[in-house]
Amino acid sequence: MNDQEPRQTPDWVEDVKVEVSGMAKEGVNHPSTGPVLTGAAIGAVAGWILPVISLPVGLLAGAGFALYQRIKK
């Protein structure tokens, strides 16, 4: 009995691979590129403003969170 929804299976790593490779192949035309770049920009600004977080860490965190939100749906 599988009570899990399809997006909550342990195959999330495969989902991330498919999403990232699709973004790499299609570039700006991929539906996930815009939200992930927006998340990266917001994270970079937060990293620039907050003294504890550096710009690259904020950028990666923002992009990772946006990608997670896209995969979770």
PDB file of N, CA and C in Angstrom:
ATOM      1  N   MET A   1       0.824  -1.180   0.000  1.00  0.00           N
ATOM      2  CA  MET A   1       0.000   0.000   0.000  1.00  0.00           C
ATOM      3  C   MET A   1       0.870   1.246   0.000  1.00  0.00           C
ATOM      4  N   ASN A   2       0.679   2.065  -0.963  1.00  0.00           N
ATOM      5  CA  ASN A   2       1.461   3.286  -1.086  1.00  0.00           C
ATOM      6  C   ASN A   2       0.553   4.484  -0.849  1.00  0.00           C
ATOM      7  N   ASP A   3       0.677   5.084   0.338  1.00  0.00           N
ATOM      8  CA  ASP A   3      -0.165   6.224   0.704  1.00  0.00           C
ATOM      9  C   ASP A   3       0.462   7.544   0.316  1.00  0.00           C
ATOM     10  N   GLN A   4       1.651   7.515  -0.276  1.00  0.00           N
ATOM     11  CA  GLN A   4       2.347   8.746  -0.600  1.00  0.00           C
ATOM     12  C   GLN A   4       1.898   9.273  -1.956  1.00  0.00           C
ATOM     13  N   GLU A   5       1.896  10.603  -2.063  1.00  0.00           N
ATOM     14  CA  GLU A   5       1.617  11.229  -3.339  1.00  0.00           C
ATOM     15  C   GLU A   5       2.862  11.096  -4.215  1.00  0.00           C
ATOM     16  N   PRO A   6       2.721  11.201  -5.522  1.00  0.00           N
ATOM     17  CA  PRO A   6       3.881  10.999  -6.396  1.00  0.00           C
ATOM     18  C   PRO A   6       5.068  11.911  -6.108  1.00  0.00           C
ATOM     19  N   ARG A   7       4.839  13.163  -5.724  1.00  0.00           N
ATOM     20  CA  ARG A   7       5.941  14.093  -5.478  1.00  0.00           C
ATOM     21  C   ARG A   7       6.583  13.902  -4.102  1.00  0.00           C
ATOM     22  N   GLN A   8       6.044  13.043  -3.261  1.00  0.00           N
ATOM     23  CA  GLN A   8       6.614  12.834  -1.932  1.00  0.00           C
ATOM     24  C   GLN A   8       7.371  11.522  -1.849  1.00  0.00           C
ATOM     25  N   THR A   9       7.646  10.912  -2.963  1.00  0.00           N
ATOM     26  CA  THR A   9       8.391   9.665  -2.959  1.00  0.00           C
ATOM     27  C   THR A   9       9.872   9.959  -2.771  1.00  0.00           C
ATOM     28  N   PRO A  10      10.669   8.963  -2.428  1.00  0.00           N
ATOM     29  CA  PRO A  10      12.110   9.187  -2.252  1.00  0.00           C
ATOM     30  C   PRO A  10      12.848   9.497  -3.554  1.00  0.00           C
ATOM     31  N   ASP A  11      12.153   9.566  -4.661  1.00  0.00           N
ATOM     32  CA  ASP A  11      12.792   9.850  -5.940  1.00  0.00           C
ATOM     33  C   ASP A  11      12.965  11.348  -6.183  1.00  0.00           C
ATOM     34  N   TRP A  12      13.013  12.147  -5.139  1.00  0.00           N
ATOM     35  CA  TRP A  12      13.136  13.587  -5.313  1.00  0.00           C
ATOM     36  C   TRP A  12      14.479  13.961  -5.931  1.00  0.00           C
ATOM     37  N   VAL A  13      15.490  13.124  -5.719  1.00  0.00           N
ATOM     38  CA  VAL A  13      16.789  13.397  -6.331  1.00  0.00           C
ATOM     39  C   VAL A  13      16.662  13.300  -7.852  1.00  0.00           C
ATOM     40  N   GLU A  14      15.947  12.303  -8.321  1.00  0.00           N
ATOM     41  CA  GLU A  14      15.717  12.155  -9.761  1.00  0.00           C
ATOM     42  C   GLU A  14      14.907  13.334 -10.298  1.00  0.00           C
ATOM     43  N   ASP A  15      13.925  13.803  -9.524  1.00  0.00           N
ATOM     44  CA  ASP A  15      13.139  14.965  -9.936  1.00  0.00           C
ATOM     45  C   ASP A  15      14.024  16.205 -10.069  1.00  0.00           C
ATOM     46  N   VAL A  16      14.952  16.374  -9.131  1.00  0.00           N
ATOM     47  CA  VAL A  16      15.872  17.514  -9.183  1.00  0.00           C
ATOM     48  C   VAL A  16      16.772  17.400 -10.410  1.00  0.00           C
ATOM     49  N   LYS A  17      17.285  16.205 -10.681  1.00  0.00           N
ATOM     50  CA  LYS A  17      18.144  16.006 -11.853  1.00  0.00           C
ATOM     51  C   LYS A  17      17.409  16.360 -13.137  1.00  0.00           C
ATOM     52  N   VAL A  18      16.168  15.896 -13.256  1.00  0.00           N
ATOM     53  CA  VAL A  18      15.373  16.166 -14.457  1.00  0.00           C
ATOM     54  C   VAL A  18      15.119  17.662 -14.594  1.00  0.00           C
ATOM     55  N   GLU A  19      14.784  18.310 -13.491  1.00  0.00           N
ATOM     56  CA  GLU A  19      14.474  19.743 -13.520  1.00  0.00           C
ATOM     57  C   GLU A  19      15.715  20.563 -13.884  1.00  0.00           C
ATOM     58  N   VAL A  20      16.840  20.271 -13.261  1.00  0.00           N
ATOM     59  CA  VAL A  20      18.064  21.025 -13.518  1.00  0.00           C
ATOM     60  C   VAL A  20      18.571  20.779 -14.937  1.00  0.00           C
ATOM     61  N   SER A  21      18.516  19.529 -15.399  1.00  0.00           N
ATOM     62  CA  SER A  21      18.961  19.268 -16.768  1.00  0.00           C
ATOM     63  C   SER A  21      18.026  19.942 -17.776  1.00  0.00           C
ATOM     64  N   GLY A  22      16.735  19.981 -17.492  1.00  0.00           N
ATOM     65  CA  GLY A  22      15.804  20.698 -18.356  1.00  0.00           C
ATOM     66  C   GLY A  22      16.101  22.180 -18.390  1.00  0.00           C
ATOM     67  N   MET A  23      16.437  22.755 -17.241  1.00  0.00           N
ATOM     68  CA  MET A  23      16.792  24.167 -17.190  1.00  0.00           C
ATOM     69  C   MET A  23      18.082  24.430 -17.951  1.00  0.00           C
ATOM     70  N   ALA A  24      19.034  23.495 -17.866  1.00  0.00           N
ATOM     71  CA  ALA A  24      20.305  23.665 -18.575  1.00  0.00           C
ATOM     72  C   ALA A  24      20.112  23.570 -20.083  1.00  0.00           C
ATOM     73  N   LYS A  25      19.251  22.685 -20.521  1.00  0.00           N
ATOM     74  CA  LYS A  25      19.030  22.498 -21.961  1.00  0.00           C
ATOM     75  C   LYS A  25      18.189  23.619 -22.564  1.00  0.00           C
ATOM     76  N   GLU A  26      17.102  23.993 -21.890  1.00  0.00           N
ATOM     77  CA  GLU A  26      16.175  24.972 -22.455  1.00  0.00           C
ATOM     78  C   GLU A  26      16.509  26.409 -22.085  1.00  0.00           C
ATOM     79  N   GLY A  27      17.325  26.596 -21.075  1.00  0.00           N
ATOM     80  CA  GLY A  27      17.709  27.948 -20.672  1.00  0.00           C
ATOM     81  C   GLY A  27      16.542  28.742 -20.127  1.00  0.00           C
ATOM     82  N   VAL A  28      16.392  29.947 -20.606  1.00  0.00           N
ATOM     83  CA  VAL A  28      15.364  30.857 -20.118  1.00  0.00           C
ATOM     84  C   VAL A  28      13.962  30.387 -20.515  1.00  0.00           C
ATOM     85  N   ASN A  29      13.854  29.548 -21.514  1.00  0.00           N
ATOM     86  CA  ASN A  29      12.541  29.085 -21.964  1.00  0.00           C
ATOM     87  C   ASN A  29      11.925  28.040 -21.045  1.00  0.00           C
ATOM     88  N   HIS A  30      12.699  27.484 -20.131  1.00  0.00           N
ATOM     89  CA  HIS A  30      12.177  26.477 -19.204  1.00  0.00           C
ATOM     90  C   HIS A  30      11.332  27.172 -18.142  1.00  0.00           C
ATOM     91  N   PRO A  31      10.185  26.574 -17.746  1.00  0.00           N
ATOM     92  CA  PRO A  31       9.299  27.239 -16.776  1.00  0.00           C
ATOM     93  C   PRO A  31       9.907  27.419 -15.389  1.00  0.00           C
ATOM     94  N   SER A  32      10.914  26.661 -15.024  1.00  0.00           N
ATOM     95  CA  SER A  32      11.502  26.789 -13.692  1.00  0.00           C
ATOM     96  C   SER A  32      12.630  27.814 -13.628  1.00  0.00           C
ATOM     97  N   THR A  33      13.143  28.237 -14.762  1.00  0.00           N
ATOM     98  CA  THR A  33      14.297  29.134 -14.761  1.00  0.00           C
ATOM     99  C   THR A  33      13.977  30.466 -14.099  1.00  0.00           C
ATOM    100  N   GLY A  34      12.866  31.063 -14.439  1.00  0.00           N
ATOM    101  CA  GLY A  34      12.500  32.365 -13.871  1.00  0.00           C
ATOM    102  C   GLY A  34      12.360  32.348 -12.360  1.00  0.00           C
ATOM    103  N   PRO A  35      11.556  31.432 -11.808  1.00  0.00           N
ATOM    104  CA  PRO A  35      11.429  31.397 -10.352  1.00  0.00           C
ATOM    105  C   PRO A  35      12.738  31.080  -9.626  1.00  0.00           C
ATOM    106  N   VAL A  36      13.561  30.219 -10.200  1.00  0.00           N
ATOM    107  CA  VAL A  36      14.828  29.874  -9.548  1.00  0.00           C
ATOM    108  C   VAL A  36      15.789  31.067  -9.581  1.00  0.00           C
ATOM    109  N   LEU A  37      15.842  31.774 -10.698  1.00  0.00           N
ATOM    110  CA  LEU A  37      16.688  32.962 -10.763  1.00  0.00           C
ATOM    111  C   LEU A  37      16.183  34.066  -9.835  1.00  0.00           C
ATOM    112  N   THR A  38      14.870  34.198  -9.719  1.00  0.00           N
ATOM    113  CA  THR A  38      14.302  35.173  -8.791  1.00  0.00           C
ATOM    114  C   THR A  38      14.658  34.817  -7.351  1.00  0.00           C
ATOM    115  N   GLY A  39      14.549  33.534  -7.022  1.00  0.00           N
ATOM    116  CA  GLY A  39      14.940  33.091  -5.680  1.00  0.00           C
ATOM    117  C   GLY A  39      16.407  33.328  -5.410  1.00  0.00           C
ATOM    118  N   ALA A  40      17.243  33.097  -6.412  1.00  0.00           N
ATOM    119  CA  ALA A  40      18.678  33.344  -6.257  1.00  0.00           C
ATOM    120  C   ALA A  40      18.944  34.825  -6.025  1.00  0.00           C
ATOM    121  N   ALA A  41      18.244  35.684  -6.747  1.00  0.00           N
ATOM    122  CA  ALA A  41      18.435  37.126  -6.573  1.00  0.00           C
ATOM    123  C   ALA A  41      17.984  37.587  -5.192  1.00  0.00           C
ATOM    124  N   ILE A  42      16.854  37.091  -4.735  1.00  0.00           N
ATOM    125  CA  ILE A  42      16.372  37.453  -3.397  1.00  0.00           C
ATOM    126  C   ILE A  42      17.343  36.959  -2.330  1.00  0.00           C
ATOM    127  N   GLY A  43      17.843  35.740  -2.496  1.00  0.00           N
ATOM    128  CA  GLY A  43      18.822  35.216  -1.543  1.00  0.00           C
ATOM    129  C   GLY A  43      20.116  36.006  -1.555  1.00  0.00           C
ATOM    130  N   ALA A  44      20.549  36.449  -2.736  1.00  0.00           N
ATOM    131  CA  ALA A  44      21.773  37.248  -2.824  1.00  0.00           C
ATOM    132  C   ALA A  44      21.604  38.596  -2.132  1.00  0.00           C
ATOM    133  N   VAL A  45      20.450  39.212  -2.307  1.00  0.00           N
ATOM    134  CA  VAL A  45      20.189  40.492  -1.633  1.00  0.00           C
ATOM    135  C   VAL A  45      20.150  40.285  -0.121  1.00  0.00           C
ATOM    136  N   ALA A  46      19.517  39.202   0.314  1.00  0.00           N
ATOM    137  CA  ALA A  46      19.483  38.911   1.760  1.00  0.00           C
ATOM    138  C   ALA A  46      20.891  38.649   2.278  1.00  0.00           C
ATOM    139  N   GLY A  47      21.708  37.956   1.507  1.00  0.00           N
ATOM    140  CA  GLY A  47      23.093  37.701   1.911  1.00  0.00           C
ATOM    141  C   GLY A  47      23.926  38.971   1.945  1.00  0.00           C
ATOM    142  N   TRP A  48      23.595  39.914   1.087  1.00  0.00           N
ATOM    143  CA  TRP A  48      24.322  41.174   1.059  1.00  0.00           C
ATOM    144  C   TRP A  48      23.934  42.052   2.246  1.00  0.00           C
ATOM    145  N   ILE A  49      22.640  42.005   2.629  1.00  0.00           N
ATOM    146  CA  ILE A  49      22.150  42.851   3.711  1.00  0.00           C
ATOM    147  C   ILE A  49      22.514  42.286   5.087  1.00  0.00           C
ATOM    148  N   LEU A  50      22.323  40.985   5.261  1.00  0.00           N
ATOM    149  CA  LEU A  50      22.563  40.374   6.572  1.00  0.00           C
ATOM    150  C   LEU A  50      24.058  40.171   6.803  1.00  0.00           C
ATOM    151  N   PRO A  51      24.555  40.539   7.969  1.00  0.00           N
ATOM    152  CA  PRO A  51      25.999  40.453   8.213  1.00  0.00           C
ATOM    153  C   PRO A  51      26.519  39.024   8.393  1.00  0.00           C
ATOM    154  N   VAL A  52      25.668  38.100   8.786  1.00  0.00           N
ATOM    155  CA  VAL A  52      26.119  36.739   9.071  1.00  0.00           C
ATOM    156  C   VAL A  52      26.233  35.901   7.795  1.00  0.00           C
ATOM    157  N   ILE A  53      25.372  36.191   6.829  1.00  0.00           N
ATOM    158  CA  ILE A  53      25.312  35.406   5.596  1.00  0.00           C
ATOM    159  C   ILE A  53      26.053  36.155   4.495  1.00  0.00           C
ATOM    160  N   SER A  54      26.895  35.450   3.750  1.00  0.00           N
ATOM    161  CA  SER A  54      27.595  36.097   2.650  1.00  0.00           C
ATOM    162  C   SER A  54      26.745  36.045   1.387  1.00  0.00           C
ATOM    163  N   LEU A  55      27.132  36.799   0.385  1.00  0.00           N
ATOM    164  CA  LEU A  55      26.399  36.879  -0.871  1.00  0.00           C
ATOM    165  C   LEU A  55      26.276  35.514  -1.560  1.00  0.00           C
ATOM    166  N   PRO A  56      27.369  34.738  -1.724  1.00  0.00           N
ATOM    167  CA  PRO A  56      27.218  33.435  -2.397  1.00  0.00           C
ATOM    168  C   PRO A  56      26.335  32.453  -1.630  1.00  0.00           C
ATOM    169  N   VAL A  57      26.417  32.473  -0.307  1.00  0.00           N
ATOM    170  CA  VAL A  57      25.582  31.578   0.495  1.00  0.00           C
ATOM    171  C   VAL A  57      24.110  31.952   0.336  1.00  0.00           C
ATOM    172  N   GLY A  58      23.805  33.222   0.361  1.00  0.00           N
ATOM    173  CA  GLY A  58      22.435  33.678   0.165  1.00  0.00           C
ATOM    174  C   GLY A  58      21.919  33.331  -1.219  1.00  0.00           C
ATOM    175  N   LEU A  59      22.778  33.487  -2.233  1.00  0.00           N
ATOM    176  CA  LEU A  59      22.394  33.162  -3.596  1.00  0.00           C
ATOM    177  C   LEU A  59      22.063  31.681  -3.728  1.00  0.00           C
ATOM    178  N   LEU A  60      22.923  30.820  -3.203  1.00  0.00           N
ATOM    179  CA  LEU A  60      22.678  29.377  -3.277  1.00  0.00           C
ATOM    180  C   LEU A  60      21.451  28.971  -2.464  1.00  0.00           C
ATOM    181  N   ALA A  61      21.285  29.559  -1.303  1.00  0.00           N
ATOM    182  CA  ALA A  61      20.129  29.231  -0.476  1.00  0.00           C
ATOM    183  C   ALA A  61      18.829  29.655  -1.155  1.00  0.00           C
ATOM    184  N   GLY A  62      18.814  30.837  -1.741  1.00  0.00           N
ATOM    185  CA  GLY A  62      17.621  31.312  -2.432  1.00  0.00           C
ATOM    186  C   GLY A  62      17.288  30.457  -3.641  1.00  0.00           C
ATOM    187  N   ALA A  63      18.294  30.103  -4.433  1.00  0.00           N
ATOM    188  CA  ALA A  63      18.072  29.255  -5.601  1.00  0.00           C
ATOM    189  C   ALA A  63      17.622  27.858  -5.183  1.00  0.00           C
ATOM    190  N   GLY A  64      18.245  27.329  -4.133  1.00  0.00           N
ATOM    191  CA  GLY A  64      17.866  26.001  -3.646  1.00  0.00           C
ATOM    192  C   GLY A  64      16.442  25.967  -3.134  1.00  0.00           C
ATOM    193  N   PHE A  65      16.044  27.001  -2.409  1.00  0.00           N
ATOM    194  CA  PHE A  65      14.683  27.055  -1.885  1.00  0.00           C
ATOM    195  C   PHE A  65      13.665  27.169  -3.015  1.00  0.00           C
ATOM    196  N   ALA A  66      13.962  27.999  -4.011  1.00  0.00           N
ATOM    197  CA  ALA A  66      13.037  28.153  -5.142  1.00  0.00           C
ATOM    198  C   ALA A  66      12.927  26.853  -5.935  1.00  0.00           C
ATOM    199  N   LEU A  67      14.053  26.169  -6.120  1.00  0.00           N
ATOM    200  CA  LEU A  67      14.025  24.886  -6.830  1.00  0.00           C
ATOM    201  C   LEU A  67      13.240  23.857  -6.034  1.00  0.00           C
ATOM    202  N   TYR A  68      13.413  23.842  -4.722  1.00  0.00           N
ATOM    203  CA  TYR A  68      12.660  22.943  -3.859  1.00  0.00           C
ATOM    204  C   TYR A  68      11.157  23.197  -3.987  1.00  0.00           C
ATOM    205  N   GLN A  69      10.773  24.462  -4.013  1.00  0.00           N
ATOM    206  CA  GLN A  69       9.363  24.803  -4.153  1.00  0.00           C
ATOM    207  C   GLN A  69       8.806  24.316  -5.489  1.00  0.00           C
ATOM    208  N   ARG A  70       9.608  24.406  -6.555  1.00  0.00           N
ATOM    209  CA  ARG A  70       9.169  23.941  -7.870  1.00  0.00           C
ATOM    210  C   ARG A  70       9.041  22.419  -7.903  1.00  0.00           C
ATOM    211  N   ILE A  71       9.960  21.711  -7.271  1.00  0.00           N
ATOM    212  CA  ILE A  71       9.955  20.237  -7.264  1.00  0.00           C
ATOM    213  C   ILE A  71       8.818  19.722  -6.405  1.00  0.00           C
ATOM    214  N   LYS A  72       8.545  20.414  -5.300  1.00  0.00           N
ATOM    215  CA  LYS A  72       7.525  19.967  -4.348  1.00  0.00           C
ATOM    216  C   LYS A  72       6.137  19.957  -4.973  1.00  0.00           C
ATOM    217  N   LYS A  73       5.874  20.804  -5.939  1.00  0.00           N
ATOM    218  CA  LYS A  73       4.540  20.919  -6.532  1.00  0.00           C
ATOM    219  C   LYS A  73       4.193  19.737  -7.361  1.00  0.00           C
TER     220      LYS A  73
END
